[in-house]
Amino acid sequence: YKWIRIIYRCWKTRTCYDEAKYLRALKDRNSPLLSV
């Protein structure tokens, strides 16, 4: 369910997925996912 949100954004904008870029975005948002 969570992955589909990411896939949709990549697919809609024709942008390749970048794990490092996504992790930086999570860090910038202070995502609780990275604080586990």
PDB file of all heavy atoms in Angstrom:
ATOM      1  N   TYR A   1       0.843  -1.208   0.000  1.00  0.00           N
ATOM      2  CA  TYR A   1       0.000   0.000   0.000  1.00  0.00           C
ATOM      3  C   TYR A   1       0.875   1.254   0.000  1.00  0.00           C
ATOM      4  O   TYR A   1       0.621   2.215  -0.733  1.00  0.00           O
ATOM      5  CB  TYR A   1      -0.898  -0.034   1.238  1.00  0.00           C
ATOM      6  CG  TYR A   1      -1.906   1.084   1.336  1.00  0.00           C
ATOM      7  CD1 TYR A   1      -3.161   0.970   0.757  1.00  0.00           C
ATOM      8  CD2 TYR A   1      -1.609   2.253   2.029  1.00  0.00           C
ATOM      9  CE1 TYR A   1      -4.097   1.987   0.858  1.00  0.00           C
ATOM     10  CE2 TYR A   1      -2.528   3.283   2.135  1.00  0.00           C
ATOM     11  CZ  TYR A   1      -3.777   3.132   1.550  1.00  0.00           C
ATOM     12  OH  TYR A   1      -4.685   4.155   1.655  1.00  0.00           O
ATOM     13  N   LYS A   2       1.938   1.227   0.815  1.00  0.00           N
ATOM     14  CA  LYS A   2       2.851   2.379   0.897  1.00  0.00           C
ATOM     15  C   LYS A   2       3.680   2.514  -0.378  1.00  0.00           C
ATOM     16  O   LYS A   2       3.892   3.628  -0.876  1.00  0.00           O
ATOM     17  CB  LYS A   2       3.762   2.211   2.115  1.00  0.00           C
ATOM     18  CG  LYS A   2       4.532   3.476   2.499  1.00  0.00           C
ATOM     19  CD  LYS A   2       5.217   3.292   3.840  1.00  0.00           C
ATOM     20  CE  LYS A   2       5.927   4.574   4.272  1.00  0.00           C
ATOM     21  NZ  LYS A   2       4.991   5.678   4.552  1.00  0.00           N
ATOM     22  N   TRP A   3       4.120   1.386  -0.927  1.00  0.00           N
ATOM     23  CA  TRP A   3       4.936   1.422  -2.144  1.00  0.00           C
ATOM     24  C   TRP A   3       4.160   2.007  -3.327  1.00  0.00           C
ATOM     25  O   TRP A   3       4.723   2.705  -4.164  1.00  0.00           O
ATOM     26  CB  TRP A   3       5.408   0.013  -2.506  1.00  0.00           C
ATOM     27  CG  TRP A   3       6.787  -0.342  -2.036  1.00  0.00           C
ATOM     28  CD1 TRP A   3       7.146  -1.329  -1.169  1.00  0.00           C
ATOM     29  CD2 TRP A   3       8.018   0.281  -2.426  1.00  0.00           C
ATOM     30  NE1 TRP A   3       8.497  -1.356  -0.989  1.00  0.00           N
ATOM     31  CE2 TRP A   3       9.073  -0.376  -1.753  1.00  0.00           C
ATOM     32  CE3 TRP A   3       8.336   1.344  -3.262  1.00  0.00           C
ATOM     33  CZ2 TRP A   3      10.403  -0.031  -1.897  1.00  0.00           C
ATOM     34  CZ3 TRP A   3       9.682   1.697  -3.415  1.00  0.00           C
ATOM     35  CH2 TRP A   3      10.687   1.023  -2.740  1.00  0.00           C
ATOM     36  N   ILE A   4       2.867   1.717  -3.406  1.00  0.00           N
ATOM     37  CA  ILE A   4       2.083   2.192  -4.546  1.00  0.00           C
ATOM     38  C   ILE A   4       2.070   3.708  -4.613  1.00  0.00           C
ATOM     39  O   ILE A   4       2.060   4.298  -5.702  1.00  0.00           O
ATOM     40  CB  ILE A   4       0.648   1.610  -4.494  1.00  0.00           C
ATOM     41  CG1 ILE A   4       0.695   0.127  -4.873  1.00  0.00           C
ATOM     42  CG2 ILE A   4      -0.294   2.359  -5.438  1.00  0.00           C
ATOM     43  CD1 ILE A   4      -0.628  -0.592  -4.778  1.00  0.00           C
ATOM     44  N   ARG A   5       2.091   4.378  -3.460  1.00  0.00           N
ATOM     45  CA  ARG A   5       2.162   5.847  -3.455  1.00  0.00           C
ATOM     46  C   ARG A   5       3.452   6.327  -4.131  1.00  0.00           C
ATOM     47  O   ARG A   5       3.454   7.303  -4.882  1.00  0.00           O
ATOM     48  CB  ARG A   5       2.090   6.374  -2.022  1.00  0.00           C
ATOM     49  CG  ARG A   5       0.730   6.177  -1.368  1.00  0.00           C
ATOM     50  CD  ARG A   5       0.679   6.835  -0.002  1.00  0.00           C
ATOM     51  NE  ARG A   5      -0.659   6.785   0.550  1.00  0.00           N
ATOM     52  CZ  ARG A   5      -1.634   7.638   0.269  1.00  0.00           C
ATOM     53  NH1 ARG A   5      -1.402   8.632  -0.573  1.00  0.00           N
ATOM     54  NH2 ARG A   5      -2.829   7.521   0.804  1.00  0.00           N
ATOM     55  N   ILE A   6       4.540   5.639  -3.844  1.00  0.00           N
ATOM     56  CA  ILE A   6       5.831   6.006  -4.437  1.00  0.00           C
ATOM     57  C   ILE A   6       5.841   5.684  -5.929  1.00  0.00           C
ATOM     58  O   ILE A   6       6.275   6.495  -6.753  1.00  0.00           O
ATOM     59  CB  ILE A   6       6.971   5.256  -3.710  1.00  0.00           C
ATOM     60  CG1 ILE A   6       7.005   5.661  -2.228  1.00  0.00           C
ATOM     61  CG2 ILE A   6       8.317   5.518  -4.381  1.00  0.00           C
ATOM     62  CD1 ILE A   6       7.932   4.811  -1.384  1.00  0.00           C
ATOM     63  N   ILE A   7       5.339   4.488  -6.271  1.00  0.00           N
ATOM     64  CA  ILE A   7       5.303   4.079  -7.680  1.00  0.00           C
ATOM     65  C   ILE A   7       4.463   5.051  -8.497  1.00  0.00           C
ATOM     66  O   ILE A   7       4.835   5.432  -9.620  1.00  0.00           O
ATOM     67  CB  ILE A   7       4.752   2.651  -7.810  1.00  0.00           C
ATOM     68  CG1 ILE A   7       5.722   1.641  -7.176  1.00  0.00           C
ATOM     69  CG2 ILE A   7       4.509   2.281  -9.275  1.00  0.00           C
ATOM     70  CD1 ILE A   7       5.156   0.239  -7.077  1.00  0.00           C
ATOM     71  N   TYR A   8       3.323   5.446  -7.939  1.00  0.00           N
ATOM     72  CA  TYR A   8       2.441   6.364  -8.660  1.00  0.00           C
ATOM     73  C   TYR A   8       3.157   7.678  -8.982  1.00  0.00           C
ATOM     74  O   TYR A   8       3.093   8.176 -10.112  1.00  0.00           O
ATOM     75  CB  TYR A   8       1.183   6.655  -7.846  1.00  0.00           C
ATOM     76  CG  TYR A   8       0.326   7.744  -8.454  1.00  0.00           C
ATOM     77  CD1 TYR A   8      -0.438   7.496  -9.585  1.00  0.00           C
ATOM     78  CD2 TYR A   8       0.311   9.041  -7.916  1.00  0.00           C
ATOM     79  CE1 TYR A   8      -1.214   8.492 -10.168  1.00  0.00           C
ATOM     80  CE2 TYR A   8      -0.461  10.039  -8.483  1.00  0.00           C
ATOM     81  CZ  TYR A   8      -1.219   9.765  -9.608  1.00  0.00           C
ATOM     82  OH  TYR A   8      -1.972  10.766 -10.188  1.00  0.00           O
ATOM     83  N   ARG A   9       3.866   8.234  -8.010  1.00  0.00           N
ATOM     84  CA  ARG A   9       4.579   9.498  -8.239  1.00  0.00           C
ATOM     85  C   ARG A   9       5.658   9.324  -9.309  1.00  0.00           C
ATOM     86  O   ARG A   9       5.804  10.170 -10.195  1.00  0.00           O
ATOM     87  CB  ARG A   9       5.190   9.984  -6.918  1.00  0.00           C
ATOM     88  CG  ARG A   9       5.968  11.290  -7.034  1.00  0.00           C
ATOM     89  CD  ARG A   9       5.079  12.426  -7.500  1.00  0.00           C
ATOM     90  NE  ARG A   9       4.024  12.704  -6.567  1.00  0.00           N
ATOM     91  CZ  ARG A   9       4.147  13.538  -5.530  1.00  0.00           C
ATOM     92  NH1 ARG A   9       5.285  14.156  -5.320  1.00  0.00           N
ATOM     93  NH2 ARG A   9       3.134  13.746  -4.727  1.00  0.00           N
ATOM     94  N   CYS A  10       6.416   8.224  -9.223  1.00  0.00           N
ATOM     95  CA  CYS A  10       7.457   7.967 -10.233  1.00  0.00           C
ATOM     96  C   CYS A  10       6.836   7.786 -11.611  1.00  0.00           C
ATOM     97  O   CYS A  10       7.319   8.339 -12.610  1.00  0.00           O
ATOM     98  CB  CYS A  10       8.265   6.726  -9.852  1.00  0.00           C
ATOM     99  SG  CYS A  10       9.279   6.910  -8.363  1.00  0.00           S
ATOM    100  N   TRP A  11       5.769   6.988 -11.671  1.00  0.00           N
ATOM    101  CA  TRP A  11       5.103   6.679 -12.939  1.00  0.00           C
ATOM    102  C   TRP A  11       4.480   7.923 -13.552  1.00  0.00           C
ATOM    103  O   TRP A  11       4.612   8.173 -14.749  1.00  0.00           O
ATOM    104  CB  TRP A  11       4.050   5.604 -12.684  1.00  0.00           C
ATOM    105  CG  TRP A  11       3.224   5.208 -13.867  1.00  0.00           C
ATOM    106  CD1 TRP A  11       3.595   4.422 -14.906  1.00  0.00           C
ATOM    107  CD2 TRP A  11       1.853   5.561 -14.105  1.00  0.00           C
ATOM    108  NE1 TRP A  11       2.546   4.258 -15.788  1.00  0.00           N
ATOM    109  CE2 TRP A  11       1.464   4.948 -15.318  1.00  0.00           C
ATOM    110  CE3 TRP A  11       0.915   6.325 -13.406  1.00  0.00           C
ATOM    111  CZ2 TRP A  11       0.187   5.083 -15.853  1.00  0.00           C
ATOM    112  CZ3 TRP A  11      -0.363   6.459 -13.935  1.00  0.00           C
ATOM    113  CH2 TRP A  11      -0.714   5.848 -15.137  1.00  0.00           C
ATOM    114  N   LYS A  12       3.834   8.739 -12.714  1.00  0.00           N
ATOM    115  CA  LYS A  12       3.140   9.925 -13.210  1.00  0.00           C
ATOM    116  C   LYS A  12       4.125  10.960 -13.752  1.00  0.00           C
ATOM    117  O   LYS A  12       3.857  11.632 -14.757  1.00  0.00           O
ATOM    118  CB  LYS A  12       2.307  10.542 -12.083  1.00  0.00           C
ATOM    119  CG  LYS A  12       1.231  11.517 -12.540  1.00  0.00           C
ATOM    120  CD  LYS A  12       0.070  10.811 -13.192  1.00  0.00           C
ATOM    121  CE  LYS A  12      -1.087  11.757 -13.467  1.00  0.00           C
ATOM    122  NZ  LYS A  12      -2.209  11.080 -14.141  1.00  0.00           N
ATOM    123  N   THR A  13       5.266  11.091 -13.085  1.00  0.00           N
ATOM    124  CA  THR A  13       6.253  12.101 -13.477  1.00  0.00           C
ATOM    125  C   THR A  13       7.358  11.526 -14.366  1.00  0.00           C
ATOM    126  O   THR A  13       8.291  12.254 -14.720  1.00  0.00           O
ATOM    127  CB  THR A  13       6.895  12.724 -12.227  1.00  0.00           C
ATOM    128  OG1 THR A  13       7.567  11.700 -11.465  1.00  0.00           O
ATOM    129  CG2 THR A  13       5.844  13.400 -11.349  1.00  0.00           C
ATOM    130  N   ARG A  14       7.265  10.220 -14.676  1.00  0.00           N
ATOM    131  CA  ARG A  14       8.281   9.540 -15.497  1.00  0.00           C
ATOM    132  C   ARG A  14       9.670   9.679 -14.880  1.00  0.00           C
ATOM    133  O   ARG A  14      10.666   9.927 -15.577  1.00  0.00           O
ATOM    134  CB  ARG A  14       8.272  10.075 -16.928  1.00  0.00           C
ATOM    135  CG  ARG A  14       6.918   9.988 -17.618  1.00  0.00           C
ATOM    136  CD  ARG A  14       6.955  10.570 -19.016  1.00  0.00           C
ATOM    137  NE  ARG A  14       5.612  10.707 -19.576  1.00  0.00           N
ATOM    138  CZ  ARG A  14       4.974   9.766 -20.267  1.00  0.00           C
ATOM    139  NH1 ARG A  14       5.574   8.624 -20.487  1.00  0.00           N
ATOM    140  NH2 ARG A  14       3.747   9.970 -20.731  1.00  0.00           N
ATOM    141  N   THR A  15       9.744   9.500 -13.576  1.00  0.00           N
ATOM    142  CA  THR A  15      10.995   9.648 -12.837  1.00  0.00           C
ATOM    143  C   THR A  15      11.414   8.311 -12.244  1.00  0.00           C
ATOM    144  O   THR A  15      10.596   7.624 -11.625  1.00  0.00           O
ATOM    145  CB  THR A  15      10.842  10.670 -11.686  1.00  0.00           C
ATOM    146  OG1 THR A  15      10.359  11.894 -12.217  1.00  0.00           O
ATOM    147  CG2 THR A  15      12.174  10.897 -10.980  1.00  0.00           C
ATOM    148  N   CYS A  16      12.680   7.940 -12.423  1.00  0.00           N
ATOM    149  CA  CYS A  16      13.188   6.701 -11.842  1.00  0.00           C
ATOM    150  C   CYS A  16      13.233   6.803 -10.318  1.00  0.00           C
ATOM    151  O   CYS A  16      13.470   7.882  -9.764  1.00  0.00           O
ATOM    152  CB  CYS A  16      14.573   6.376 -12.388  1.00  0.00           C
ATOM    153  SG  CYS A  16      14.576   5.908 -14.143  1.00  0.00           S
ATOM    154  N   TYR A  17      13.043   5.670  -9.671  1.00  0.00           N
ATOM    155  CA  TYR A  17      13.103   5.636  -8.214  1.00  0.00           C
ATOM    156  C   TYR A  17      14.550   5.735  -7.752  1.00  0.00           C
ATOM    157  O   TYR A  17      15.442   5.105  -8.322  1.00  0.00           O
ATOM    158  CB  TYR A  17      12.488   4.346  -7.686  1.00  0.00           C
ATOM    159  CG  TYR A  17      12.642   4.167  -6.192  1.00  0.00           C
ATOM    160  CD1 TYR A  17      11.875   4.907  -5.304  1.00  0.00           C
ATOM    161  CD2 TYR A  17      13.560   3.256  -5.669  1.00  0.00           C
ATOM    162  CE1 TYR A  17      12.009   4.748  -3.931  1.00  0.00           C
ATOM    163  CE2 TYR A  17      13.704   3.084  -4.307  1.00  0.00           C
ATOM    164  CZ  TYR A  17      12.931   3.836  -3.440  1.00  0.00           C
ATOM    165  OH  TYR A  17      13.071   3.683  -2.089  1.00  0.00           O
ATOM    166  N   ASP A  18      14.781   6.554  -6.713  1.00  0.00           N
ATOM    167  CA  ASP A  18      16.117   6.737  -6.146  1.00  0.00           C
ATOM    168  C   ASP A  18      16.012   6.535  -4.638  1.00  0.00           C
ATOM    169  O   ASP A  18      15.478   7.374  -3.925  1.00  0.00           O
ATOM    170  CB  ASP A  18      16.633   8.142  -6.468  1.00  0.00           C
ATOM    171  CG  ASP A  18      18.081   8.357  -6.046  1.00  0.00           C
ATOM    172  OD1 ASP A  18      18.510   7.710  -5.071  1.00  0.00           O
ATOM    173  OD2 ASP A  18      18.768   9.167  -6.693  1.00  0.00           O
ATOM    174  N   GLU A  19      16.514   5.403  -4.157  1.00  0.00           N
ATOM    175  CA  GLU A  19      16.405   5.077  -2.727  1.00  0.00           C
ATOM    176  C   GLU A  19      17.090   6.119  -1.854  1.00  0.00           C
ATOM    177  O   GLU A  19      16.539   6.547  -0.833  1.00  0.00           O
ATOM    178  CB  GLU A  19      17.017   3.690  -2.467  1.00  0.00           C
ATOM    179  CG  GLU A  19      17.020   3.277  -1.015  1.00  0.00           C
ATOM    180  CD  GLU A  19      15.850   2.378  -0.631  1.00  0.00           C
ATOM    181  OE1 GLU A  19      14.950   2.199  -1.465  1.00  0.00           O
ATOM    182  OE2 GLU A  19      15.837   1.870   0.500  1.00  0.00           O
ATOM    183  N   ALA A  20      18.285   6.555  -2.254  1.00  0.00           N
ATOM    184  CA  ALA A  20      19.014   7.540  -1.449  1.00  0.00           C
ATOM    185  C   ALA A  20      18.228   8.855  -1.358  1.00  0.00           C
ATOM    186  O   ALA A  20      18.141   9.482  -0.285  1.00  0.00           O
ATOM    187  CB  ALA A  20      20.397   7.787  -2.045  1.00  0.00           C
ATOM    188  N   LYS A  21      17.649   9.269  -2.464  1.00  0.00           N
ATOM    189  CA  LYS A  21      16.862  10.495  -2.489  1.00  0.00           C
ATOM    190  C   LYS A  21      15.629  10.376  -1.597  1.00  0.00           C
ATOM    191  O   LYS A  21      15.261  11.312  -0.874  1.00  0.00           O
ATOM    192  CB  LYS A  21      16.440  10.804  -3.923  1.00  0.00           C
ATOM    193  CG  LYS A  21      15.713  12.125  -4.095  1.00  0.00           C
ATOM    194  CD  LYS A  21      15.408  12.366  -5.567  1.00  0.00           C
ATOM    195  CE  LYS A  21      14.655  13.689  -5.759  1.00  0.00           C
ATOM    196  NZ  LYS A  21      14.361  13.926  -7.211  1.00  0.00           N
ATOM    197  N   TYR A  22      14.989   9.208  -1.619  1.00  0.00           N
ATOM    198  CA  TYR A  22      13.800   9.002  -0.795  1.00  0.00           C
ATOM    199  C   TYR A  22      14.170   8.997   0.685  1.00  0.00           C
ATOM    200  O   TYR A  22      13.442   9.557   1.522  1.00  0.00           O
ATOM    201  CB  TYR A  22      13.121   7.694  -1.180  1.00  0.00           C
ATOM    202  CG  TYR A  22      11.832   7.456  -0.436  1.00  0.00           C
ATOM    203  CD1 TYR A  22      10.719   8.271  -0.642  1.00  0.00           C
ATOM    204  CD2 TYR A  22      11.713   6.426   0.493  1.00  0.00           C
ATOM    205  CE1 TYR A  22       9.532   8.064   0.038  1.00  0.00           C
ATOM    206  CE2 TYR A  22      10.531   6.207   1.177  1.00  0.00           C
ATOM    207  CZ  TYR A  22       9.445   7.034   0.944  1.00  0.00           C
ATOM    208  OH  TYR A  22       8.275   6.830   1.634  1.00  0.00           O
ATOM    209  N   LEU A  23      15.297   8.388   1.022  1.00  0.00           N
ATOM    210  CA  LEU A  23      15.731   8.371   2.421  1.00  0.00           C
ATOM    211  C   LEU A  23      16.050   9.784   2.913  1.00  0.00           C
ATOM    212  O   LEU A  23      15.755  10.132   4.060  1.00  0.00           O
ATOM    213  CB  LEU A  23      16.949   7.463   2.581  1.00  0.00           C
ATOM    214  CG  LEU A  23      16.692   5.953   2.415  1.00  0.00           C
ATOM    215  CD1 LEU A  23      17.996   5.176   2.473  1.00  0.00           C
ATOM    216  CD2 LEU A  23      15.726   5.456   3.491  1.00  0.00           C
ATOM    217  N   ARG A  24      16.651  10.607   2.038  1.00  0.00           N
ATOM    218  CA  ARG A  24      16.923  12.006   2.425  1.00  0.00           C
ATOM    219  C   ARG A  24      15.615  12.756   2.664  1.00  0.00           C
ATOM    220  O   ARG A  24      15.515  13.570   3.591  1.00  0.00           O
ATOM    221  CB  ARG A  24      17.745  12.703   1.331  1.00  0.00           C
ATOM    222  CG  ARG A  24      19.202  12.281   1.288  1.00  0.00           C
ATOM    223  CD  ARG A  24      20.047  13.250   0.464  1.00  0.00           C
ATOM    224  NE  ARG A  24      19.595  13.327  -0.914  1.00  0.00           N
ATOM    225  CZ  ARG A  24      20.050  12.544  -1.891  1.00  0.00           C
ATOM    226  NH1 ARG A  24      20.961  11.605  -1.612  1.00  0.00           N
ATOM    227  NH2 ARG A  24      19.614  12.679  -3.128  1.00  0.00           N
ATOM    228  N   ALA A  25      14.616  12.475   1.823  1.00  0.00           N
ATOM    229  CA  ALA A  25      13.315  13.123   1.993  1.00  0.00           C
ATOM    230  C   ALA A  25      12.677  12.709   3.320  1.00  0.00           C
ATOM    231  O   ALA A  25      12.084  13.538   4.025  1.00  0.00           O
ATOM    232  CB  ALA A  25      12.400  12.775   0.829  1.00  0.00           C
ATOM    233  N   LEU A  26      12.805  11.436   3.673  1.00  0.00           N
ATOM    234  CA  LEU A  26      12.269  10.969   4.949  1.00  0.00           C
ATOM    235  C   LEU A  26      12.985  11.647   6.120  1.00  0.00           C
ATOM    236  O   LEU A  26      12.358  12.041   7.107  1.00  0.00           O
ATOM    237  CB  LEU A  26      12.422   9.447   5.060  1.00  0.00           C
ATOM    238  CG  LEU A  26      11.547   8.584   4.148  1.00  0.00           C
ATOM    239  CD1 LEU A  26      11.907   7.110   4.316  1.00  0.00           C
ATOM    240  CD2 LEU A  26      10.064   8.800   4.442  1.00  0.00           C
ATOM    241  N   LYS A  27      14.309  11.801   5.976  1.00  0.00           N
ATOM    242  CA  LYS A  27      15.094  12.442   7.026  1.00  0.00           C
ATOM    243  C   LYS A  27      14.724  13.909   7.167  1.00  0.00           C
ATOM    244  O   LYS A  27      14.580  14.432   8.283  1.00  0.00           O
ATOM    245  CB  LYS A  27      16.583  12.297   6.713  1.00  0.00           C
ATOM    246  CG  LYS A  27      17.496  12.841   7.796  1.00  0.00           C
ATOM    247  CD  LYS A  27      18.960  12.602   7.446  1.00  0.00           C
ATOM    248  CE  LYS A  27      19.869  13.155   8.537  1.00  0.00           C
ATOM    249  NZ  LYS A  27      21.300  12.955   8.187  1.00  0.00           N
ATOM    250  N   ASP A  28      14.534  14.603   6.035  1.00  0.00           N
ATOM    251  CA  ASP A  28      14.175  16.025   6.075  1.00  0.00           C
ATOM    252  C   ASP A  28      12.807  16.242   6.717  1.00  0.00           C
ATOM    253  O   ASP A  28      12.564  17.290   7.328  1.00  0.00           O
ATOM    254  CB  ASP A  28      14.178  16.607   4.653  1.00  0.00           C
ATOM    255  CG  ASP A  28      15.581  16.665   4.055  1.00  0.00           C
ATOM    256  OD1 ASP A  28      16.554  16.587   4.842  1.00  0.00           O
ATOM    257  OD2 ASP A  28      15.702  16.760   2.814  1.00  0.00           O
ATOM    258  N   ARG A  29      11.913  15.263   6.561  1.00  0.00           N
ATOM    259  CA  ARG A  29      10.568  15.379   7.144  1.00  0.00           C
ATOM    260  C   ARG A  29      10.532  14.871   8.579  1.00  0.00           C
ATOM    261  O   ARG A  29       9.465  14.835   9.202  1.00  0.00           O
ATOM    262  CB  ARG A  29       9.557  14.576   6.320  1.00  0.00           C
ATOM    263  CG  ARG A  29       9.338  15.087   4.905  1.00  0.00           C
ATOM    264  CD  ARG A  29       8.014  14.581   4.343  1.00  0.00           C
ATOM    265  NE  ARG A  29       7.855  13.146   4.443  1.00  0.00           N
ATOM    266  CZ  ARG A  29       8.129  12.294   3.454  1.00  0.00           C
ATOM    267  NH1 ARG A  29       8.605  12.745   2.302  1.00  0.00           N
ATOM    268  NH2 ARG A  29       7.933  11.005   3.611  1.00  0.00           N
ATOM    269  N   ASN A  30      11.704  14.457   9.086  1.00  0.00           N
ATOM    270  CA  ASN A  30      11.775  13.850  10.419  1.00  0.00           C
ATOM    271  C   ASN A  30      10.796  12.685  10.542  1.00  0.00           C
ATOM    272  O   ASN A  30      10.048  12.555  11.526  1.00  0.00           O
ATOM    273  CB  ASN A  30      11.475  14.896  11.509  1.00  0.00           C
ATOM    274  CG  ASN A  30      12.543  15.968  11.576  1.00  0.00           C
ATOM    275  OD1 ASN A  30      13.740  15.675  11.496  1.00  0.00           O
ATOM    276  ND2 ASN A  30      12.117  17.221  11.707  1.00  0.00           N
ATOM    277  N   SER A  31      10.786  11.851   9.531  1.00  0.00           N
ATOM    278  CA  SER A  31       9.873  10.718   9.503  1.00  0.00           C
ATOM    279  C   SER A  31      10.151   9.772  10.666  1.00  0.00           C
ATOM    280  O   SER A  31      11.310   9.421  10.929  1.00  0.00           O
ATOM    281  CB  SER A  31      10.015   9.960   8.183  1.00  0.00           C
ATOM    282  OG  SER A  31       9.300   8.749   8.222  1.00  0.00           O
ATOM    283  N   PRO A  32       9.112   9.368  11.389  1.00  0.00           N
ATOM    284  CA  PRO A  32       9.311   8.404  12.485  1.00  0.00           C
ATOM    285  C   PRO A  32       9.837   7.064  11.992  1.00  0.00           C
ATOM    286  O   PRO A  32      10.349   6.271  12.774  1.00  0.00           O
ATOM    287  CB  PRO A  32       7.898   8.258  13.073  1.00  0.00           C
ATOM    288  CG  PRO A  32       6.963   8.687  11.990  1.00  0.00           C
ATOM    289  CD  PRO A  32       7.690   9.741  11.232  1.00  0.00           C
ATOM    290  N   LEU A  33       9.739   6.829  10.679  1.00  0.00           N
ATOM    291  CA  LEU A  33      10.211   5.575  10.116  1.00  0.00           C
ATOM    292  C   LEU A  33      11.707   5.393  10.329  1.00  0.00           C
ATOM    293  O   LEU A  33      12.182   4.292  10.599  1.00  0.00           O
ATOM    294  CB  LEU A  33       9.886   5.528   8.612  1.00  0.00           C
ATOM    295  CG  LEU A  33      10.119   4.203   7.883  1.00  0.00           C
ATOM    296  CD1 LEU A  33       9.248   3.104   8.466  1.00  0.00           C
ATOM    297  CD2 LEU A  33       9.834   4.365   6.401  1.00  0.00           C
ATOM    298  N   LEU A  34      12.464   6.491  10.241  1.00  0.00           N
ATOM    299  CA  LEU A  34      13.918   6.418  10.391  1.00  0.00           C
ATOM    300  C   LEU A  34      14.374   6.546  11.835  1.00  0.00           C
ATOM    301  O   LEU A  34      15.564   6.398  12.130  1.00  0.00           O
ATOM    302  CB  LEU A  34      14.592   7.512   9.556  1.00  0.00           C
ATOM    303  CG  LEU A  34      14.363   7.431   8.044  1.00  0.00           C
ATOM    304  CD1 LEU A  34      15.150   8.521   7.332  1.00  0.00           C
ATOM    305  CD2 LEU A  34      14.759   6.058   7.504  1.00  0.00           C
ATOM    306  N   SER A  35      13.442   6.806  12.741  1.00  0.00           N
ATOM    307  CA  SER A  35      13.810   6.941  14.146  1.00  0.00           C
ATOM    308  C   SER A  35      13.607   5.655  14.917  1.00  0.00           C
ATOM    309  O   SER A  35      13.785   5.606  16.128  1.00  0.00           O
ATOM    310  CB  SER A  35      12.973   8.050  14.799  1.00  0.00           C
ATOM    311  OG  SER A  35      11.592   7.728  14.767  1.00  0.00           O
ATOM    312  N   VAL A  36      13.179   4.609  14.174  1.00  0.00           N
ATOM    313  CA  VAL A  36      12.932   3.319  14.837  1.00  0.00           C
ATOM    314  C   VAL A  36      14.246   2.685  15.258  1.00  0.00           C
ATOM    315  O   VAL A  36      15.199   2.671  14.491  1.00  0.00           O
ATOM    316  CB  VAL A  36      12.166   2.369  13.882  1.00  0.00           C
ATOM    317  CG1 VAL A  36      11.996   1.012  14.536  1.00  0.00           C
ATOM    318  CG2 VAL A  36      10.816   2.952  13.524  1.00  0.00           C
TER     319      VAL A  36
END
